[in-house]
Amino acid sequence: MEVVLRKVGRKPGRAVVGRLLRAPRKGSVVVIEFADGLHEYVTTPVKRILRLAGREVYYLQTANSRYRLEVRSDEAALLEAAR
């Protein structure tokens, strides 16, 4: 599924757009693969997860940073699951 990951805080970085390989789970890292398929963005282990009710928006706190993760599309995941 396609997601957008943005750093939240004093020094917000650029948005990372790509395919989510590892779902946000406490204690594990979040891995996002870029569109080229050659590069990945990996966070430090997740400490806390907050999901906004009724929306596909998550706020993550890792060992070093805080992020906003927005799920853009579920269509790709649904097509792969159907196969």
PDB file of N, CA and C in Angstrom:
ATOM      1  N   MET A   1       0.830  -1.162   0.000  1.00  0.00           N
ATOM      2  CA  MET A   1       0.000   0.000   0.000  1.00  0.00           C
ATOM      3  C   MET A   1       0.879   1.231   0.000  1.00  0.00           C
ATOM      4  N   GLU A   2       0.448   2.275  -0.673  1.00  0.00           N
ATOM      5  CA  GLU A   2       1.229   3.498  -0.787  1.00  0.00           C
ATOM      6  C   GLU A   2       0.997   4.379   0.434  1.00  0.00           C
ATOM      7  N   VAL A   3       2.099   4.906   0.967  1.00  0.00           N
ATOM      8  CA  VAL A   3       2.023   5.742   2.165  1.00  0.00           C
ATOM      9  C   VAL A   3       2.900   6.972   2.000  1.00  0.00           C
ATOM     10  N   VAL A   4       2.624   7.972   2.858  1.00  0.00           N
ATOM     11  CA  VAL A   4       3.449   9.164   2.957  1.00  0.00           C
ATOM     12  C   VAL A   4       3.887   9.287   4.410  1.00  0.00           C
ATOM     13  N   LEU A   5       5.191   9.359   4.632  1.00  0.00           N
ATOM     14  CA  LEU A   5       5.759   9.475   5.967  1.00  0.00           C
ATOM     15  C   LEU A   5       6.426  10.835   6.085  1.00  0.00           C
ATOM     16  N   ARG A   6       6.004  11.613   7.096  1.00  0.00           N
ATOM     17  CA  ARG A   6       6.584  12.939   7.333  1.00  0.00           C
ATOM     18  C   ARG A   6       7.070  13.028   8.765  1.00  0.00           C
ATOM     19  N   LYS A   7       8.233  13.611   8.930  1.00  0.00           N
ATOM     20  CA  LYS A   7       8.768  13.836  10.260  1.00  0.00           C
ATOM     21  C   LYS A   7       8.022  15.009  10.889  1.00  0.00           C
ATOM     22  N   VAL A   8       7.697  14.901  12.181  1.00  0.00           N
ATOM     23  CA  VAL A   8       6.972  15.940  12.904  1.00  0.00           C
ATOM     24  C   VAL A   8       7.905  16.497  13.969  1.00  0.00           C
ATOM     25  N   GLY A   9       7.879  17.805  14.157  1.00  0.00           N
ATOM     26  CA  GLY A   9       8.693  18.395  15.209  1.00  0.00           C
ATOM     27  C   GLY A   9       9.348  19.681  14.764  1.00  0.00           C
ATOM     28  N   ARG A  10      10.433  20.026  15.436  1.00  0.00           N
ATOM     29  CA  ARG A  10      11.129  21.281  15.147  1.00  0.00           C
ATOM     30  C   ARG A  10      11.737  21.313  13.755  1.00  0.00           C
ATOM     31  N   LYS A  11      12.340  20.209  13.348  1.00  0.00           N
ATOM     32  CA  LYS A  11      12.989  20.148  12.043  1.00  0.00           C
ATOM     33  C   LYS A  11      12.291  19.124  11.151  1.00  0.00           C
ATOM     34  N   PRO A  12      11.114  19.482  10.632  1.00  0.00           N
ATOM     35  CA  PRO A  12      10.438  18.509   9.766  1.00  0.00           C
ATOM     36  C   PRO A  12      11.223  18.317   8.478  1.00  0.00           C
ATOM     37  N   GLY A  13      11.370  17.075   8.079  1.00  0.00           N
ATOM     38  CA  GLY A  13      12.104  16.749   6.863  1.00  0.00           C
ATOM     39  C   GLY A  13      11.172  16.656   5.673  1.00  0.00           C
ATOM     40  N   ARG A  14      11.720  16.218   4.572  1.00  0.00           N
ATOM     41  CA  ARG A  14      10.897  16.051   3.368  1.00  0.00           C
ATOM     42  C   ARG A  14       9.997  14.824   3.537  1.00  0.00           C
ATOM     43  N   ALA A  15       8.935  14.804   2.764  1.00  0.00           N
ATOM     44  CA  ALA A  15       8.009  13.677   2.820  1.00  0.00           C
ATOM     45  C   ALA A  15       8.619  12.476   2.106  1.00  0.00           C
ATOM     46  N   VAL A  16       8.427  11.307   2.674  1.00  0.00           N
ATOM     47  CA  VAL A  16       8.878  10.053   2.067  1.00  0.00           C
ATOM     48  C   VAL A  16       7.639   9.354   1.527  1.00  0.00           C
ATOM     49  N   VAL A  17       7.591   9.168   0.207  1.00  0.00           N
ATOM     50  CA  VAL A  17       6.456   8.523  -0.446  1.00  0.00           C
ATOM     51  C   VAL A  17       6.922   7.190  -0.991  1.00  0.00           C
ATOM     52  N   GLY A  18       6.170   6.150  -0.689  1.00  0.00           N
ATOM     53  CA  GLY A  18       6.554   4.833  -1.179  1.00  0.00           C
ATOM     54  C   GLY A  18       5.597   3.756  -0.724  1.00  0.00           C
ATOM     55  N   ARG A  19       6.064   2.509  -0.859  1.00  0.00           N
ATOM     56  CA  ARG A  19       5.254   1.348  -0.505  1.00  0.00           C
ATOM     57  C   ARG A  19       5.673   0.858   0.879  1.00  0.00           C
ATOM     58  N   LEU A  20       4.698   0.636   1.730  1.00  0.00           N
ATOM     59  CA  LEU A  20       4.955   0.182   3.093  1.00  0.00           C
ATOM     60  C   LEU A  20       5.273  -1.311   3.081  1.00  0.00           C
ATOM     61  N   LEU A  21       6.476  -1.674   3.543  1.00  0.00           N
ATOM     62  CA  LEU A  21       6.886  -3.077   3.582  1.00  0.00           C
ATOM     63  C   LEU A  21       6.639  -3.699   4.948  1.00  0.00           C
ATOM     64  N   ARG A  22       6.847  -2.934   6.004  1.00  0.00           N
ATOM     65  CA  ARG A  22       6.591  -3.420   7.361  1.00  0.00           C
ATOM     66  C   ARG A  22       5.635  -2.473   8.048  1.00  0.00           C
ATOM     67  N   ALA A  23       4.547  -3.001   8.521  1.00  0.00           N
ATOM     68  CA  ALA A  23       3.535  -2.194   9.205  1.00  0.00           C
ATOM     69  C   ALA A  23       4.084  -1.654  10.514  1.00  0.00           C
ATOM     70  N   PRO A  24       3.594  -0.491  10.953  1.00  0.00           N
ATOM     71  CA  PRO A  24       4.048   0.045  12.230  1.00  0.00           C
ATOM     72  C   PRO A  24       3.586  -0.845  13.379  1.00  0.00           C
ATOM     73  N   ARG A  25       4.521  -1.339  14.132  1.00  0.00           N
ATOM     74  CA  ARG A  25       4.234  -2.206  15.266  1.00  0.00           C
ATOM     75  C   ARG A  25       5.219  -1.848  16.369  1.00  0.00           C
ATOM     76  N   LYS A  26       4.760  -1.814  17.585  1.00  0.00           N
ATOM     77  CA  LYS A  26       5.621  -1.447  18.710  1.00  0.00           C
ATOM     78  C   LYS A  26       6.812  -2.405  18.791  1.00  0.00           C
ATOM     79  N   GLY A  27       8.011  -1.823  18.866  1.00  0.00           N
ATOM     80  CA  GLY A  27       9.216  -2.624  18.987  1.00  0.00           C
ATOM     81  C   GLY A  27       9.905  -2.956  17.672  1.00  0.00           C
ATOM     82  N   SER A  28       9.215  -2.758  16.535  1.00  0.00           N
ATOM     83  CA  SER A  28       9.833  -3.063  15.239  1.00  0.00           C
ATOM     84  C   SER A  28      10.043  -1.774  14.449  1.00  0.00           C
ATOM     85  N   VAL A  29      10.814  -1.861  13.401  1.00  0.00           N
ATOM     86  CA  VAL A  29      11.076  -0.701  12.554  1.00  0.00           C
ATOM     87  C   VAL A  29      10.023  -0.605  11.453  1.00  0.00           C
ATOM     88  N   VAL A  30       9.855   0.594  10.906  1.00  0.00           N
ATOM     89  CA  VAL A  30       8.964   0.815   9.769  1.00  0.00           C
ATOM     90  C   VAL A  30       9.845   0.902   8.534  1.00  0.00           C
ATOM     91  N   VAL A  31       9.514   0.123   7.505  1.00  0.00           N
ATOM     92  CA  VAL A  31      10.301   0.101   6.269  1.00  0.00           C
ATOM     93  C   VAL A  31       9.409   0.542   5.119  1.00  0.00           C
ATOM     94  N   ILE A  32       9.881   1.564   4.378  1.00  0.00           N
ATOM     95  CA  ILE A  32       9.162   2.070   3.211  1.00  0.00           C
ATOM     96  C   ILE A  32      10.082   1.957   2.006  1.00  0.00           C
ATOM     97  N   GLU A  33       9.599   1.300   0.948  1.00  0.00           N
ATOM     98  CA  GLU A  33      10.367   1.130  -0.281  1.00  0.00           C
ATOM     99  C   GLU A  33      10.008   2.250  -1.251  1.00  0.00           C
ATOM    100  N   PHE A  34      11.028   2.885  -1.822  1.00  0.00           N
ATOM    101  CA  PHE A  34      10.804   3.944  -2.798  1.00  0.00           C
ATOM    102  C   PHE A  34      10.319   3.355  -4.110  1.00  0.00           C
ATOM    103  N   ALA A  35       9.789   4.210  -4.975  1.00  0.00           N
ATOM    104  CA  ALA A  35       9.199   3.762  -6.244  1.00  0.00           C
ATOM    105  C   ALA A  35      10.214   3.062  -7.150  1.00  0.00           C
ATOM    106  N   ASP A  36      11.495   3.413  -7.035  1.00  0.00           N
ATOM    107  CA  ASP A  36      12.491   2.792  -7.908  1.00  0.00           C
ATOM    108  C   ASP A  36      12.768   1.336  -7.540  1.00  0.00           C
ATOM    109  N   GLY A  37      12.359   0.917  -6.339  1.00  0.00           N
ATOM    110  CA  GLY A  37      12.542  -0.460  -5.905  1.00  0.00           C
ATOM    111  C   GLY A  37      13.939  -0.784  -5.428  1.00  0.00           C
ATOM    112  N   LEU A  38      14.838   0.180  -5.485  1.00  0.00           N
ATOM    113  CA  LEU A  38      16.223  -0.045  -5.090  1.00  0.00           C
ATOM    114  C   LEU A  38      16.558   0.510  -3.707  1.00  0.00           C
ATOM    115  N   HIS A  39      15.793   1.474  -3.250  1.00  0.00           N
ATOM    116  CA  HIS A  39      16.100   2.139  -1.996  1.00  0.00           C
ATOM    117  C   HIS A  39      14.960   1.999  -1.000  1.00  0.00           C
ATOM    118  N   GLU A  40      15.313   2.045   0.275  1.00  0.00           N
ATOM    119  CA  GLU A  40      14.330   1.937   1.356  1.00  0.00           C
ATOM    120  C   GLU A  40      14.592   3.000   2.404  1.00  0.00           C
ATOM    121  N   TYR A  41      13.540   3.396   3.104  1.00  0.00           N
ATOM    122  CA  TYR A  41      13.652   4.290   4.251  1.00  0.00           C
ATOM    123  C   TYR A  41      13.301   3.446   5.474  1.00  0.00           C
ATOM    124  N   VAL A  42      14.189   3.413   6.456  1.00  0.00           N
ATOM    125  CA  VAL A  42      13.987   2.593   7.646  1.00  0.00           C
ATOM    126  C   VAL A  42      14.066   3.485   8.878  1.00  0.00           C
ATOM    127  N   THR A  43      13.075   3.386   9.750  1.00  0.00           N
ATOM    128  CA  THR A  43      13.080   4.160  10.983  1.00  0.00           C
ATOM    129  C   THR A  43      13.761   3.363  12.095  1.00  0.00           C
ATOM    130  N   THR A  44      13.955   4.015  13.218  1.00  0.00           N
ATOM    131  CA  THR A  44      14.405   3.304  14.412  1.00  0.00           C
ATOM    132  C   THR A  44      13.193   2.592  15.013  1.00  0.00           C
ATOM    133  N   PRO A  45      13.367   1.706  15.986  1.00  0.00           N
ATOM    134  CA  PRO A  45      12.224   0.967  16.549  1.00  0.00           C
ATOM    135  C   PRO A  45      11.118   1.877  17.107  1.00  0.00           C
ATOM    136  N   VAL A  46       9.876   1.488  16.859  1.00  0.00           N
ATOM    137  CA  VAL A  46       8.700   2.265  17.259  1.00  0.00           C
ATOM    138  C   VAL A  46       8.429   2.082  18.752  1.00  0.00           C
ATOM    139  N   LYS A  47       8.186   3.204  19.435  1.00  0.00           N
ATOM    140  CA  LYS A  47       7.839   3.173  20.859  1.00  0.00           C
ATOM    141  C   LYS A  47       6.328   3.274  21.066  1.00  0.00           C
ATOM    142  N   ARG A  48       5.697   4.216  20.341  1.00  0.00           N
ATOM    143  CA  ARG A  48       4.250   4.446  20.499  1.00  0.00           C
ATOM    144  C   ARG A  48       3.594   4.644  19.144  1.00  0.00           C
ATOM    145  N   ILE A  49       2.311   4.238  19.062  1.00  0.00           N
ATOM    146  CA  ILE A  49       1.517   4.403  17.843  1.00  0.00           C
ATOM    147  C   ILE A  49       0.166   4.987  18.232  1.00  0.00           C
ATOM    148  N   LEU A  50      -0.250   6.020  17.499  1.00  0.00           N
ATOM    149  CA  LEU A  50      -1.552   6.629  17.708  1.00  0.00           C
ATOM    150  C   LEU A  50      -2.242   6.703  16.363  1.00  0.00           C
ATOM    151  N   ARG A  51      -3.478   6.201  16.283  1.00  0.00           N
ATOM    152  CA  ARG A  51      -4.240   6.253  15.034  1.00  0.00           C
ATOM    153  C   ARG A  51      -5.409   7.205  15.210  1.00  0.00           C
ATOM    154  N   LEU A  52      -5.612   8.096  14.238  1.00  0.00           N
ATOM    155  CA  LEU A  52      -6.753   8.993  14.272  1.00  0.00           C
ATOM    156  C   LEU A  52      -8.000   8.214  13.892  1.00  0.00           C
ATOM    157  N   ALA A  53      -9.046   8.364  14.671  1.00  0.00           N
ATOM    158  CA  ALA A  53     -10.289   7.619  14.454  1.00  0.00           C
ATOM    159  C   ALA A  53     -10.924   7.996  13.123  1.00  0.00           C
ATOM    160  N   GLY A  54     -11.329   6.973  12.379  1.00  0.00           N
ATOM    161  CA  GLY A  54     -12.028   7.180  11.122  1.00  0.00           C
ATOM    162  C   GLY A  54     -11.136   7.561   9.952  1.00  0.00           C
ATOM    163  N   ARG A  55      -9.834   7.623  10.164  1.00  0.00           N
ATOM    164  CA  ARG A  55      -8.915   7.996   9.091  1.00  0.00           C
ATOM    165  C   ARG A  55      -7.724   7.052   9.089  1.00  0.00           C
ATOM    166  N   GLU A  56      -7.061   6.979   7.972  1.00  0.00           N
ATOM    167  CA  GLU A  56      -5.864   6.151   7.850  1.00  0.00           C
ATOM    168  C   GLU A  56      -4.624   7.016   8.080  1.00  0.00           C
ATOM    169  N   VAL A  57      -4.577   7.657   9.251  1.00  0.00           N
ATOM    170  CA  VAL A  57      -3.450   8.501   9.634  1.00  0.00           C
ATOM    171  C   VAL A  57      -2.934   8.009  10.974  1.00  0.00           C
ATOM    172  N   TYR A  58      -1.631   7.789  11.044  1.00  0.00           N
ATOM    173  CA  TYR A  58      -0.987   7.296  12.257  1.00  0.00           C
ATOM    174  C   TYR A  58       0.100   8.274  12.684  1.00  0.00           C
ATOM    175  N   TYR A  59       0.253   8.445  13.973  1.00  0.00           N
ATOM    176  CA  TYR A  59       1.384   9.192  14.524  1.00  0.00           C
ATOM    177  C   TYR A  59       2.262   8.191  15.242  1.00  0.00           C
ATOM    178  N   LEU A  60       3.551   8.199  14.908  1.00  0.00           N
ATOM    179  CA  LEU A  60       4.494   7.231  15.449  1.00  0.00           C
ATOM    180  C   LEU A  60       5.580   7.957  16.228  1.00  0.00           C
ATOM    181  N   GLN A  61       5.948   7.404  17.356  1.00  0.00           N
ATOM    182  CA  GLN A  61       7.101   7.891  18.093  1.00  0.00           C
ATOM    183  C   GLN A  61       8.126   6.774  18.089  1.00  0.00           C
ATOM    184  N   THR A  62       9.316   7.082  17.587  1.00  0.00           N
ATOM    185  CA  THR A  62      10.390   6.099  17.573  1.00  0.00           C
ATOM    186  C   THR A  62      11.421   6.496  18.622  1.00  0.00           C
ATOM    187  N   ALA A  63      12.515   5.772  18.663  1.00  0.00           N
ATOM    188  CA  ALA A  63      13.569   6.061  19.633  1.00  0.00           C
ATOM    189  C   ALA A  63      14.154   7.457  19.424  1.00  0.00           C
ATOM    190  N   ASN A  64      14.181   7.931  18.167  1.00  0.00           N
ATOM    191  CA  ASN A  64      14.819   9.214  17.870  1.00  0.00           C
ATOM    192  C   ASN A  64      13.885  10.302  17.361  1.00  0.00           C
ATOM    193  N   SER A  65      12.738   9.953  16.794  1.00  0.00           N
ATOM    194  CA  SER A  65      11.909  10.925  16.093  1.00  0.00           C
ATOM    195  C   SER A  65      10.427  10.652  16.275  1.00  0.00           C
ATOM    196  N   ARG A  66       9.637  11.609  15.749  1.00  0.00           N
ATOM    197  CA  ARG A  66       8.187  11.441  15.672  1.00  0.00           C
ATOM    198  C   ARG A  66       7.770  11.617  14.221  1.00  0.00           C
ATOM    199  N   TYR A  67       6.811  10.792  13.773  1.00  0.00           N
ATOM    200  CA  TYR A  67       6.396  10.784  12.379  1.00  0.00           C
ATOM    201  C   TYR A  67       4.878  10.799  12.259  1.00  0.00           C
ATOM    202  N   ARG A  68       4.413  11.280  11.099  1.00  0.00           N
ATOM    203  CA  ARG A  68       3.010  11.187  10.707  1.00  0.00           C
ATOM    204  C   ARG A  68       2.979  10.283   9.484  1.00  0.00           C
ATOM    205  N   LEU A  69       2.250   9.180   9.570  1.00  0.00           N
ATOM    206  CA  LEU A  69       2.150   8.206   8.487  1.00  0.00           C
ATOM    207  C   LEU A  69       0.731   8.234   7.945  1.00  0.00           C
ATOM    208  N   GLU A  70       0.598   8.567   6.665  1.00  0.00           N
ATOM    209  CA  GLU A  70      -0.710   8.637   6.017  1.00  0.00           C
ATOM    210  C   GLU A  70      -0.792   7.575   4.931  1.00  0.00           C
ATOM    211  N   VAL A  71      -1.802   6.730   5.009  1.00  0.00           N
ATOM    212  CA  VAL A  71      -2.017   5.692   3.996  1.00  0.00           C
ATOM    213  C   VAL A  71      -2.774   6.339   2.844  1.00  0.00           C
ATOM    214  N   ARG A  72      -2.176   6.286   1.649  1.00  0.00           N
ATOM    215  CA  ARG A  72      -2.765   6.925   0.484  1.00  0.00           C
ATOM    216  C   ARG A  72      -3.687   6.007  -0.301  1.00  0.00           C
ATOM    217  N   SER A  73      -3.282   4.738  -0.483  1.00  0.00           N
ATOM    218  CA  SER A  73      -4.130   3.838  -1.270  1.00  0.00           C
ATOM    219  C   SER A  73      -4.015   2.420  -0.762  1.00  0.00           C
ATOM    220  N   ASP A  74      -5.120   1.725  -0.783  1.00  0.00           N
ATOM    221  CA  ASP A  74      -5.176   0.317  -0.412  1.00  0.00           C
ATOM    222  C   ASP A  74      -5.378  -0.559  -1.640  1.00  0.00           C
ATOM    223  N   GLU A  75      -5.548   0.051  -2.807  1.00  0.00           N
ATOM    224  CA  GLU A  75      -5.877  -0.693  -4.012  1.00  0.00           C
ATOM    225  C   GLU A  75      -4.813  -1.724  -4.368  1.00  0.00           C
ATOM    226  N   ALA A  76      -3.558  -1.358  -4.267  1.00  0.00           N
ATOM    227  CA  ALA A  76      -2.483  -2.284  -4.619  1.00  0.00           C
ATOM    228  C   ALA A  76      -2.494  -3.496  -3.695  1.00  0.00           C
ATOM    229  N   ALA A  77      -2.743  -3.271  -2.418  1.00  0.00           N
ATOM    230  CA  ALA A  77      -2.781  -4.382  -1.455  1.00  0.00           C
ATOM    231  C   ALA A  77      -3.974  -5.297  -1.746  1.00  0.00           C
ATOM    232  N   LEU A  78      -5.099  -4.720  -2.134  1.00  0.00           N
ATOM    233  CA  LEU A  78      -6.284  -5.523  -2.432  1.00  0.00           C
ATOM    234  C   LEU A  78      -6.061  -6.364  -3.689  1.00  0.00           C
ATOM    235  N   LEU A  79      -5.376  -5.800  -4.688  1.00  0.00           N
ATOM    236  CA  LEU A  79      -5.117  -6.546  -5.921  1.00  0.00           C
ATOM    237  C   LEU A  79      -4.162  -7.710  -5.674  1.00  0.00           C
ATOM    238  N   GLU A  80      -3.144  -7.476  -4.841  1.00  0.00           N
ATOM    239  CA  GLU A  80      -2.189  -8.554  -4.528  1.00  0.00           C
ATOM    240  C   GLU A  80      -2.859  -9.656  -3.722  1.00  0.00           C
ATOM    241  N   ALA A  81      -3.758  -9.291  -2.807  1.00  0.00           N
ATOM    242  CA  ALA A  81      -4.440 -10.277  -1.974  1.00  0.00           C
ATOM    243  C   ALA A  81      -5.399 -11.135  -2.806  1.00  0.00           C
ATOM    244  N   ALA A  82      -5.947 -10.553  -3.870  1.00  0.00           N
ATOM    245  CA  ALA A  82      -6.893 -11.271  -4.717  1.00  0.00           C
ATOM    246  C   ALA A  82      -6.200 -12.345  -5.572  1.00  0.00           C
ATOM    247  N   ARG A  83      -4.909 -12.180  -5.813  1.00  0.00           N
ATOM    248  CA  ARG A  83      -4.169 -13.112  -6.667  1.00  0.00           C
ATOM    249  C   ARG A  83      -3.840 -14.371  -5.978  1.00  0.00           C
TER     250      ARG A  83
END
